N, C-alpha and C. Protein backbone atom coordinates (compact mmCIF):
# COMPACT_ATOMS: atom_id res chain seq x y z
N MET A 1 0.84 -1.19 0.00
CA MET A 1 0.00 0.00 0.00
C MET A 1 0.88 1.25 0.00
N THR A 2 0.67 2.13 -0.96
CA THR A 2 1.42 3.37 -1.04
C THR A 2 0.71 4.43 -0.22
N ARG A 3 1.46 5.12 0.62
CA ARG A 3 0.89 6.16 1.46
C ARG A 3 1.51 7.50 1.08
N ASP A 4 0.70 8.54 1.14
CA ASP A 4 1.16 9.90 0.93
C ASP A 4 1.67 10.42 2.28
N PRO A 5 3.00 10.56 2.48
CA PRO A 5 3.53 10.98 3.77
C PRO A 5 2.94 12.29 4.30
N SER A 6 2.51 13.17 3.40
CA SER A 6 1.95 14.45 3.86
C SER A 6 0.62 14.27 4.59
N ARG A 7 -0.01 13.11 4.45
CA ARG A 7 -1.29 12.82 5.12
C ARG A 7 -1.09 12.17 6.49
N TYR A 8 0.18 11.99 6.89
CA TYR A 8 0.51 11.33 8.16
C TYR A 8 1.31 12.27 9.04
N ARG A 9 0.82 12.50 10.24
CA ARG A 9 1.47 13.40 11.18
C ARG A 9 2.86 12.85 11.54
N PRO A 10 3.93 13.65 11.33
CA PRO A 10 5.28 13.17 11.63
C PRO A 10 5.55 13.21 13.13
N GLY A 11 6.23 12.18 13.61
CA GLY A 11 6.54 12.13 15.03
C GLY A 11 7.69 11.19 15.32
N VAL A 12 7.95 11.04 16.62
CA VAL A 12 8.98 10.14 17.10
C VAL A 12 8.34 9.13 18.05
N GLY A 13 8.88 7.92 18.03
CA GLY A 13 8.50 6.89 18.99
C GLY A 13 9.74 6.56 19.81
N LEU A 14 9.54 6.32 21.10
CA LEU A 14 10.67 6.12 22.00
C LEU A 14 10.61 4.75 22.66
N ILE A 15 11.72 4.05 22.59
CA ILE A 15 11.88 2.79 23.31
C ILE A 15 12.93 3.07 24.38
N LEU A 16 12.48 3.24 25.61
CA LEU A 16 13.37 3.50 26.73
C LEU A 16 13.64 2.17 27.42
N THR A 17 14.90 1.74 27.44
CA THR A 17 15.26 0.46 28.02
C THR A 17 16.04 0.66 29.32
N GLU A 18 15.93 -0.32 30.19
CA GLU A 18 16.68 -0.29 31.45
C GLU A 18 17.98 -1.08 31.32
N GLY A 19 18.27 -1.56 30.12
CA GLY A 19 19.54 -2.21 29.86
C GLY A 19 19.54 -3.73 30.02
N ARG A 20 18.39 -4.32 30.34
CA ARG A 20 18.32 -5.77 30.49
C ARG A 20 17.19 -6.35 29.64
N GLY A 21 16.90 -5.68 28.53
CA GLY A 21 15.92 -6.20 27.61
C GLY A 21 14.49 -5.76 27.85
N ARG A 22 14.24 -5.05 28.93
CA ARG A 22 12.89 -4.57 29.19
C ARG A 22 12.77 -3.10 28.79
N VAL A 23 11.53 -2.69 28.51
CA VAL A 23 11.26 -1.34 28.02
C VAL A 23 10.19 -0.67 28.87
N TRP A 24 10.22 0.66 28.90
CA TRP A 24 9.24 1.45 29.63
C TRP A 24 7.93 1.41 28.87
N LEU A 25 6.86 1.02 29.56
CA LEU A 25 5.53 0.91 28.95
C LEU A 25 4.54 1.65 29.83
N GLY A 26 3.87 2.66 29.27
CA GLY A 26 2.97 3.51 30.03
C GLY A 26 1.52 3.13 29.90
N GLN A 27 0.78 3.28 31.01
CA GLN A 27 -0.67 3.13 31.00
C GLN A 27 -1.27 4.47 30.63
N ARG A 28 -1.99 4.54 29.53
CA ARG A 28 -2.50 5.80 29.02
C ARG A 28 -3.50 6.43 29.98
N ALA A 29 -3.44 7.73 30.10
CA ALA A 29 -4.36 8.50 30.95
C ALA A 29 -5.56 8.95 30.12
N GLY A 30 -6.55 9.46 30.79
CA GLY A 30 -7.69 10.06 30.11
C GLY A 30 -8.67 9.09 29.48
N GLY A 31 -8.69 7.86 29.95
CA GLY A 31 -9.64 6.89 29.45
C GLY A 31 -9.28 6.24 28.13
N TYR A 32 -8.06 6.47 27.64
CA TYR A 32 -7.65 5.83 26.40
C TYR A 32 -7.33 4.36 26.65
N GLU A 33 -7.56 3.55 25.63
CA GLU A 33 -7.35 2.12 25.73
C GLU A 33 -5.87 1.75 25.73
N GLY A 34 -5.52 0.79 26.57
CA GLY A 34 -4.23 0.13 26.51
C GLY A 34 -3.04 0.89 27.06
N GLU A 35 -1.93 0.26 26.84
CA GLU A 35 -0.63 0.80 27.23
C GLU A 35 0.13 1.10 25.94
N GLN A 36 1.16 1.94 26.06
CA GLN A 36 1.97 2.21 24.88
C GLN A 36 3.32 2.78 25.28
N LEU A 37 4.21 2.80 24.31
CA LEU A 37 5.50 3.44 24.44
C LEU A 37 5.30 4.94 24.26
N PRO A 38 6.22 5.75 24.80
CA PRO A 38 6.11 7.20 24.57
C PRO A 38 6.24 7.52 23.07
N GLN A 39 5.46 8.47 22.63
CA GLN A 39 5.53 8.92 21.24
C GLN A 39 4.93 10.31 21.16
N GLY A 40 5.28 11.04 20.14
CA GLY A 40 4.68 12.36 19.97
C GLY A 40 5.14 13.03 18.69
N GLY A 41 4.47 14.11 18.37
CA GLY A 41 4.72 14.83 17.13
C GLY A 41 5.99 15.65 17.15
N ILE A 42 6.48 15.93 15.97
CA ILE A 42 7.63 16.83 15.80
C ILE A 42 7.05 18.22 15.57
N GLU A 43 7.42 19.15 16.42
CA GLU A 43 6.90 20.52 16.35
C GLU A 43 7.53 21.27 15.17
N PRO A 44 6.83 22.25 14.60
CA PRO A 44 7.40 23.05 13.50
C PRO A 44 8.73 23.68 13.93
N GLY A 45 9.74 23.55 13.09
CA GLY A 45 11.05 24.12 13.36
C GLY A 45 11.92 23.29 14.28
N GLU A 46 11.42 22.17 14.76
CA GLU A 46 12.15 21.32 15.70
C GLU A 46 12.87 20.22 14.92
N THR A 47 14.09 19.88 15.33
CA THR A 47 14.77 18.75 14.72
C THR A 47 14.18 17.47 15.28
N ILE A 48 14.40 16.39 14.57
CA ILE A 48 13.87 15.12 15.04
C ILE A 48 14.50 14.71 16.37
N GLU A 49 15.79 14.98 16.55
CA GLU A 49 16.45 14.64 17.82
C GLU A 49 15.94 15.53 18.95
N ASP A 50 15.69 16.79 18.68
CA ASP A 50 15.09 17.66 19.71
C ASP A 50 13.73 17.12 20.13
N ALA A 51 12.96 16.60 19.18
CA ALA A 51 11.65 16.03 19.50
C ALA A 51 11.80 14.80 20.41
N VAL A 52 12.83 14.00 20.18
CA VAL A 52 13.08 12.83 21.03
C VAL A 52 13.24 13.26 22.48
N TRP A 53 14.12 14.22 22.74
CA TRP A 53 14.39 14.64 24.12
C TRP A 53 13.21 15.36 24.75
N ARG A 54 12.51 16.16 23.96
CA ARG A 54 11.32 16.85 24.49
C ARG A 54 10.24 15.84 24.87
N GLU A 55 9.96 14.89 23.99
CA GLU A 55 8.92 13.90 24.26
C GLU A 55 9.30 13.03 25.45
N LEU A 56 10.56 12.66 25.58
CA LEU A 56 11.00 11.87 26.73
C LEU A 56 10.71 12.60 28.03
N GLU A 57 11.04 13.87 28.06
CA GLU A 57 10.80 14.66 29.27
C GLU A 57 9.30 14.90 29.50
N GLU A 58 8.56 15.22 28.45
CA GLU A 58 7.14 15.51 28.58
C GLU A 58 6.31 14.28 28.98
N GLU A 59 6.71 13.11 28.51
CA GLU A 59 5.88 11.92 28.73
C GLU A 59 6.39 11.02 29.84
N VAL A 60 7.69 10.98 30.06
CA VAL A 60 8.26 10.08 31.06
C VAL A 60 8.78 10.85 32.28
N GLY A 61 9.14 12.12 32.08
CA GLY A 61 9.58 12.95 33.19
C GLY A 61 11.09 13.02 33.39
N THR A 62 11.87 12.60 32.39
CA THR A 62 13.32 12.62 32.53
C THR A 62 13.99 12.85 31.18
N ARG A 63 15.24 13.30 31.23
CA ARG A 63 16.12 13.34 30.05
C ARG A 63 17.38 12.54 30.34
N ASN A 64 17.38 11.83 31.45
CA ASN A 64 18.55 11.10 31.90
C ASN A 64 18.66 9.77 31.16
N ALA A 65 19.11 9.86 29.92
CA ALA A 65 19.20 8.68 29.06
C ALA A 65 20.28 8.90 28.02
N GLU A 66 20.67 7.80 27.43
CA GLU A 66 21.67 7.80 26.36
C GLU A 66 20.99 7.31 25.08
N LEU A 67 21.10 8.08 24.01
CA LEU A 67 20.53 7.70 22.72
C LEU A 67 21.42 6.63 22.08
N LEU A 68 20.82 5.46 21.77
CA LEU A 68 21.59 4.34 21.25
C LEU A 68 21.44 4.14 19.75
N GLY A 69 20.26 4.44 19.20
CA GLY A 69 20.06 4.22 17.78
C GLY A 69 18.64 4.52 17.37
N SER A 70 18.38 4.39 16.07
CA SER A 70 17.05 4.66 15.54
C SER A 70 16.77 3.80 14.33
N THR A 71 15.48 3.71 13.99
CA THR A 71 15.12 3.03 12.75
C THR A 71 15.58 3.90 11.58
N LYS A 72 15.88 3.26 10.49
CA LYS A 72 16.30 4.00 9.30
C LYS A 72 15.08 4.51 8.52
N GLU A 73 13.99 3.78 8.63
CA GLU A 73 12.78 4.11 7.88
C GLU A 73 11.70 4.68 8.80
N TRP A 74 10.78 5.39 8.20
CA TRP A 74 9.58 5.84 8.89
C TRP A 74 8.61 4.67 8.97
N THR A 75 7.89 4.57 10.07
CA THR A 75 6.80 3.60 10.18
C THR A 75 5.49 4.37 10.05
N PHE A 76 4.46 3.71 9.58
CA PHE A 76 3.16 4.34 9.37
C PHE A 76 2.08 3.51 10.04
N TYR A 77 1.09 4.19 10.60
CA TYR A 77 -0.15 3.51 10.96
C TYR A 77 -1.31 4.44 10.68
N ASP A 78 -2.44 3.83 10.34
CA ASP A 78 -3.66 4.57 10.05
C ASP A 78 -4.49 4.70 11.31
N PHE A 79 -5.11 5.85 11.48
CA PHE A 79 -6.07 6.00 12.57
C PHE A 79 -7.29 5.14 12.26
N PRO A 80 -7.94 4.60 13.28
CA PRO A 80 -9.19 3.87 13.02
C PRO A 80 -10.26 4.81 12.47
N PRO A 81 -11.24 4.28 11.75
CA PRO A 81 -12.26 5.14 11.12
C PRO A 81 -12.98 6.07 12.09
N GLU A 82 -13.17 5.65 13.34
CA GLU A 82 -13.90 6.47 14.32
C GLU A 82 -13.05 7.55 14.97
N SER A 83 -11.77 7.63 14.67
CA SER A 83 -10.88 8.59 15.31
C SER A 83 -11.21 10.03 14.92
N SER A 84 -11.21 10.89 15.92
CA SER A 84 -11.44 12.32 15.66
C SER A 84 -10.26 12.97 14.93
N HIS A 85 -9.10 12.34 14.96
CA HIS A 85 -7.91 12.89 14.30
C HIS A 85 -7.97 12.76 12.78
N ARG A 86 -8.86 11.94 12.27
CA ARG A 86 -8.93 11.71 10.82
C ARG A 86 -9.34 12.96 10.05
N ASP A 87 -9.85 13.98 10.75
CA ASP A 87 -10.18 15.24 10.07
C ASP A 87 -8.93 15.91 9.51
N LEU A 88 -7.79 15.74 10.21
CA LEU A 88 -6.54 16.38 9.81
C LEU A 88 -5.55 15.43 9.15
N TRP A 89 -5.53 14.18 9.61
CA TRP A 89 -4.51 13.23 9.19
C TRP A 89 -5.14 11.87 8.92
N ASP A 90 -4.51 11.09 8.05
CA ASP A 90 -4.92 9.70 7.87
C ASP A 90 -4.36 8.82 8.99
N GLY A 91 -3.25 9.26 9.56
CA GLY A 91 -2.59 8.49 10.62
C GLY A 91 -1.33 9.19 11.05
N GLN A 92 -0.39 8.41 11.56
CA GLN A 92 0.88 8.97 12.00
C GLN A 92 2.03 8.20 11.37
N ARG A 93 3.16 8.89 11.25
CA ARG A 93 4.41 8.27 10.82
C ARG A 93 5.47 8.63 11.84
N HIS A 94 6.28 7.65 12.20
CA HIS A 94 7.29 7.84 13.23
C HIS A 94 8.64 7.29 12.79
N ARG A 95 9.66 7.93 13.29
CA ARG A 95 10.98 7.31 13.37
C ARG A 95 11.11 6.88 14.82
N TRP A 96 11.60 5.67 15.04
CA TRP A 96 11.71 5.10 16.38
C TRP A 96 13.14 5.19 16.87
N PHE A 97 13.28 5.56 18.15
CA PHE A 97 14.58 5.73 18.78
C PHE A 97 14.64 4.87 20.03
N VAL A 98 15.79 4.26 20.27
CA VAL A 98 15.98 3.50 21.49
C VAL A 98 16.98 4.25 22.36
N LEU A 99 16.64 4.38 23.63
CA LEU A 99 17.46 5.10 24.61
C LEU A 99 17.65 4.21 25.83
N ARG A 100 18.81 4.27 26.44
CA ARG A 100 19.08 3.55 27.69
C ARG A 100 18.92 4.53 28.84
N PHE A 101 18.04 4.18 29.77
CA PHE A 101 17.84 5.00 30.96
C PHE A 101 19.06 4.90 31.86
N LEU A 102 19.57 6.04 32.32
CA LEU A 102 20.79 6.08 33.10
C LEU A 102 20.57 6.43 34.58
N GLY A 103 19.37 6.76 34.95
CA GLY A 103 19.13 7.26 36.30
C GLY A 103 18.53 6.25 37.25
N ASP A 104 18.01 6.80 38.33
CA ASP A 104 17.31 6.04 39.35
C ASP A 104 15.83 5.97 38.98
N GLN A 105 15.21 4.85 39.24
CA GLN A 105 13.82 4.64 38.85
C GLN A 105 12.89 5.72 39.40
N SER A 106 13.25 6.35 40.51
CA SER A 106 12.40 7.40 41.09
C SER A 106 12.27 8.62 40.18
N GLU A 107 13.18 8.76 39.20
CA GLU A 107 13.11 9.87 38.25
C GLU A 107 11.99 9.70 37.23
N LEU A 108 11.50 8.49 37.07
CA LEU A 108 10.50 8.19 36.05
C LEU A 108 9.11 8.46 36.63
N ASP A 109 8.57 9.64 36.30
CA ASP A 109 7.31 10.07 36.91
C ASP A 109 6.39 10.67 35.84
N PRO A 110 5.74 9.83 35.05
CA PRO A 110 4.88 10.37 33.99
C PRO A 110 3.67 11.14 34.52
N ALA A 111 3.24 10.85 35.74
CA ALA A 111 2.09 11.56 36.31
C ALA A 111 2.50 12.93 36.85
N GLY A 112 3.79 13.17 37.03
CA GLY A 112 4.27 14.42 37.59
C GLY A 112 4.64 15.48 36.57
N VAL A 113 4.40 15.23 35.30
CA VAL A 113 4.72 16.20 34.26
C VAL A 113 3.57 17.19 34.10
N ALA A 114 3.80 18.26 33.35
CA ALA A 114 2.81 19.34 33.21
C ALA A 114 1.48 18.85 32.65
N GLU A 115 1.50 18.05 31.60
CA GLU A 115 0.28 17.54 30.99
C GLU A 115 0.41 16.02 30.84
N PRO A 116 0.10 15.27 31.90
CA PRO A 116 0.33 13.82 31.88
C PRO A 116 -0.45 13.09 30.80
N GLU A 117 0.26 12.26 30.06
CA GLU A 117 -0.38 11.39 29.08
C GLU A 117 -0.46 9.96 29.59
N PHE A 118 0.24 9.69 30.69
CA PHE A 118 0.25 8.37 31.29
C PHE A 118 -0.08 8.49 32.77
N GLU A 119 -0.81 7.49 33.29
CA GLU A 119 -1.15 7.50 34.71
C GLU A 119 -0.39 6.44 35.49
N GLY A 120 0.39 5.66 34.82
CA GLY A 120 1.22 4.65 35.45
C GLY A 120 2.15 4.05 34.40
N TRP A 121 3.06 3.21 34.85
CA TRP A 121 4.00 2.60 33.92
C TRP A 121 4.59 1.34 34.55
N ARG A 122 5.27 0.56 33.72
CA ARG A 122 5.98 -0.65 34.17
C ARG A 122 7.08 -0.98 33.19
N TRP A 123 8.05 -1.78 33.63
CA TRP A 123 9.03 -2.35 32.73
C TRP A 123 8.40 -3.58 32.11
N ALA A 124 8.53 -3.76 30.80
CA ALA A 124 7.91 -4.87 30.09
C ALA A 124 8.87 -5.40 29.04
N THR A 125 8.65 -6.64 28.64
CA THR A 125 9.42 -7.18 27.53
C THR A 125 8.84 -6.61 26.24
N PRO A 126 9.59 -6.64 25.15
CA PRO A 126 9.02 -6.20 23.87
C PRO A 126 7.74 -6.95 23.50
N ASP A 127 7.70 -8.26 23.73
CA ASP A 127 6.48 -9.02 23.42
C ASP A 127 5.29 -8.54 24.25
N GLU A 128 5.52 -8.23 25.53
CA GLU A 128 4.45 -7.70 26.37
C GLU A 128 3.97 -6.34 25.85
N ALA A 129 4.91 -5.50 25.40
CA ALA A 129 4.54 -4.18 24.87
C ALA A 129 3.70 -4.33 23.60
N ILE A 130 4.07 -5.25 22.74
CA ILE A 130 3.30 -5.48 21.51
C ILE A 130 1.89 -5.94 21.85
N ALA A 131 1.77 -6.84 22.79
CA ALA A 131 0.45 -7.37 23.17
C ALA A 131 -0.42 -6.31 23.85
N ALA A 132 0.20 -5.35 24.54
CA ALA A 132 -0.54 -4.37 25.34
C ALA A 132 -1.02 -3.16 24.53
N VAL A 133 -0.40 -2.89 23.40
CA VAL A 133 -0.76 -1.70 22.62
C VAL A 133 -2.01 -1.99 21.78
N VAL A 134 -2.73 -0.94 21.40
CA VAL A 134 -3.92 -1.12 20.56
C VAL A 134 -3.51 -1.84 19.27
N THR A 135 -4.41 -2.62 18.75
CA THR A 135 -4.14 -3.51 17.63
C THR A 135 -3.54 -2.82 16.42
N PHE A 136 -4.04 -1.62 16.07
CA PHE A 136 -3.56 -0.98 14.85
C PHE A 136 -2.11 -0.49 14.94
N LYS A 137 -1.54 -0.45 16.16
CA LYS A 137 -0.13 -0.06 16.31
C LYS A 137 0.81 -1.27 16.41
N GLN A 138 0.27 -2.47 16.56
CA GLN A 138 1.12 -3.65 16.77
C GLN A 138 2.12 -3.90 15.65
N PRO A 139 1.77 -3.78 14.37
CA PRO A 139 2.78 -3.99 13.33
C PRO A 139 3.96 -3.01 13.42
N VAL A 140 3.69 -1.78 13.80
CA VAL A 140 4.74 -0.77 13.96
C VAL A 140 5.67 -1.17 15.10
N TYR A 141 5.10 -1.60 16.22
CA TYR A 141 5.91 -2.03 17.36
C TYR A 141 6.78 -3.24 16.96
N ARG A 142 6.20 -4.20 16.27
CA ARG A 142 6.98 -5.38 15.85
C ARG A 142 8.17 -4.95 14.99
N PHE A 143 7.92 -4.06 14.04
CA PHE A 143 9.00 -3.58 13.17
C PHE A 143 10.09 -2.88 13.98
N ALA A 144 9.69 -1.95 14.86
CA ALA A 144 10.66 -1.18 15.63
C ALA A 144 11.49 -2.09 16.54
N PHE A 145 10.84 -3.02 17.22
CA PHE A 145 11.58 -3.93 18.11
C PHE A 145 12.51 -4.84 17.32
N THR A 146 12.09 -5.28 16.15
CA THR A 146 12.94 -6.14 15.33
C THR A 146 14.16 -5.37 14.84
N GLU A 147 13.95 -4.17 14.32
CA GLU A 147 15.06 -3.40 13.78
C GLU A 147 16.03 -2.93 14.86
N LEU A 148 15.52 -2.68 16.06
CA LEU A 148 16.35 -2.12 17.13
C LEU A 148 16.72 -3.14 18.21
N ALA A 149 16.50 -4.42 17.95
CA ALA A 149 16.73 -5.49 18.95
C ALA A 149 18.15 -5.48 19.49
N ARG A 150 19.12 -5.19 18.66
CA ARG A 150 20.52 -5.25 19.11
C ARG A 150 20.82 -4.26 20.24
N PHE A 151 19.99 -3.20 20.38
CA PHE A 151 20.21 -2.21 21.42
C PHE A 151 19.53 -2.57 22.74
N LEU A 152 18.71 -3.61 22.73
CA LEU A 152 17.93 -3.95 23.92
C LEU A 152 18.60 -4.99 24.81
N GLN A 153 19.71 -5.55 24.39
CA GLN A 153 20.39 -6.59 25.17
C GLN A 153 21.13 -6.03 26.35
């Protein structure tokens, strides 16, 4: 399927690892279904790497991490037909980045940020993260974990 990239909101996806193969997985706030990895849009005039650090701080509550690598390609997913976002976009496209958390677990406070998107979190295996995310994002998660697996060991 050929997609017009201009119809997909550009963003970054973050895989924050604790260095033993597990990843940070957030419980979405505001009544949204499921758990997910941190992700967010790239603001106008912002570099993709600046978006990585901003989203990490805005969604997880820290910048205390080391950037290890990223996917070479953009991933795409379509919003479900009932999504209110379909007025502006067909879906989202992301470059995925893997980061190793360097701090103390007490620094990870997604509920303590200015506009919380998560109400809780846990360390999970990649397979658990894939199973926990909404169905339409699962292929993207599988791709990102496969391409970035070498950084999760």
